Amino acid sequence: FMEFPAWTVLYECHVIGLRGVHLNFRIILKNLESFYMLLHKVYGLK
């Protein structure tokens, strides 16, 4: 266990965390886009 450096584990977690945030951000953007389209249809916004 001690052979495996702790910073590599932290780095892996950091990279995975960043990927997760990026994915969530894209999902949120998609939701905002569809929400805007819904408002556009309902209120006829331009």
C-alpha atoms as a PDB file:
ATOM      1  CA  PHE A   1       0.000   0.000   0.000  1.00  0.00           C
ATOM      2  CA  MET A   2       2.776   2.428   0.912  1.00  0.00           C
ATOM      3  CA  GLU A   3       4.423   1.755  -2.455  1.00  0.00           C
ATOM      4  CA  PHE A   4       1.559   3.582  -4.100  1.00  0.00           C
ATOM      5  CA  PRO A   5       2.102   7.352  -3.671  1.00  0.00           C
ATOM      6  CA  ALA A   6      -0.798   9.224  -2.106  1.00  0.00           C
ATOM      7  CA  TRP A   7      -0.535  12.124  -4.564  1.00  0.00           C
ATOM      8  CA  THR A   8      -1.320   9.851  -7.526  1.00  0.00           C
ATOM      9  CA  VAL A   9      -4.545   8.798  -5.809  1.00  0.00           C
ATOM     10  CA  LEU A  10      -5.397  12.436  -5.114  1.00  0.00           C
ATOM     11  CA  TYR A  11      -4.618  13.309  -8.731  1.00  0.00           C
ATOM     12  CA  GLU A  12      -6.875  10.512 -10.010  1.00  0.00           C
ATOM     13  CA  CYS A  13      -9.720  11.693  -7.767  1.00  0.00           C
ATOM     14  CA  HIS A  14      -9.159  15.270  -8.926  1.00  0.00           C
ATOM     15  CA  VAL A  15      -9.307  14.311 -12.604  1.00  0.00           C
ATOM     16  CA  ILE A  16     -12.414  12.178 -12.080  1.00  0.00           C
ATOM     17  CA  GLY A  17     -14.014  15.039 -10.135  1.00  0.00           C
ATOM     18  CA  LEU A  18     -13.265  17.498 -12.930  1.00  0.00           C
ATOM     19  CA  ARG A  19     -14.785  15.119 -15.475  1.00  0.00           C
ATOM     20  CA  GLY A  20     -17.893  14.801 -13.321  1.00  0.00           C
ATOM     21  CA  VAL A  21     -18.247  18.582 -13.028  1.00  0.00           C
ATOM     22  CA  HIS A  22     -17.776  18.954 -16.793  1.00  0.00           C
ATOM     23  CA  LEU A  23     -20.482  16.353 -17.471  1.00  0.00           C
ATOM     24  CA  ASN A  24     -22.875  17.990 -15.004  1.00  0.00           C
ATOM     25  CA  PHE A  25     -22.177  21.388 -16.571  1.00  0.00           C
ATOM     26  CA  ARG A  26     -23.063  20.047 -20.020  1.00  0.00           C
ATOM     27  CA  ILE A  27     -26.261  18.468 -18.678  1.00  0.00           C
ATOM     28  CA  ILE A  28     -27.229  21.756 -16.978  1.00  0.00           C
ATOM     29  CA  LEU A  29     -26.587  23.673 -20.206  1.00  0.00           C
ATOM     30  CA  LYS A  30     -28.788  21.223 -22.112  1.00  0.00           C
ATOM     31  CA  ASN A  31     -31.557  21.646 -19.535  1.00  0.00           C
ATOM     32  CA  LEU A  32     -31.303  25.442 -19.725  1.00  0.00           C
ATOM     33  CA  GLU A  33     -31.459  25.253 -23.505  1.00  0.00           C
ATOM     34  CA  SER A  34     -34.595  23.088 -23.484  1.00  0.00           C
ATOM     35  CA  PHE A  35     -36.121  25.306 -20.771  1.00  0.00           C
ATOM     36  CA  TYR A  36     -35.489  28.382 -22.940  1.00  0.00           C
ATOM     37  CA  MET A  37     -37.076  26.633 -25.925  1.00  0.00           C
ATOM     38  CA  LEU A  38     -40.116  25.845 -23.757  1.00  0.00           C
ATOM     39  CA  LEU A  39     -40.416  29.503 -22.720  1.00  0.00           C
ATOM     40  CA  HIS A  40     -39.986  30.487 -26.364  1.00  0.00           C
ATOM     41  CA  LYS A  41     -42.930  28.280 -27.346  1.00  0.00           C
ATOM     42  CA  VAL A  42     -45.153  29.329 -24.443  1.00  0.00           C
ATOM     43  CA  TYR A  43     -44.561  33.080 -24.458  1.00  0.00           C
ATOM     44  CA  GLY A  44     -43.337  33.597 -28.012  1.00  0.00           C
ATOM     45  CA  LEU A  45     -40.087  35.171 -26.794  1.00  0.00           C
ATOM     46  CA  LYS A  46     -37.526  36.283 -29.320  1.00  0.00           C
END
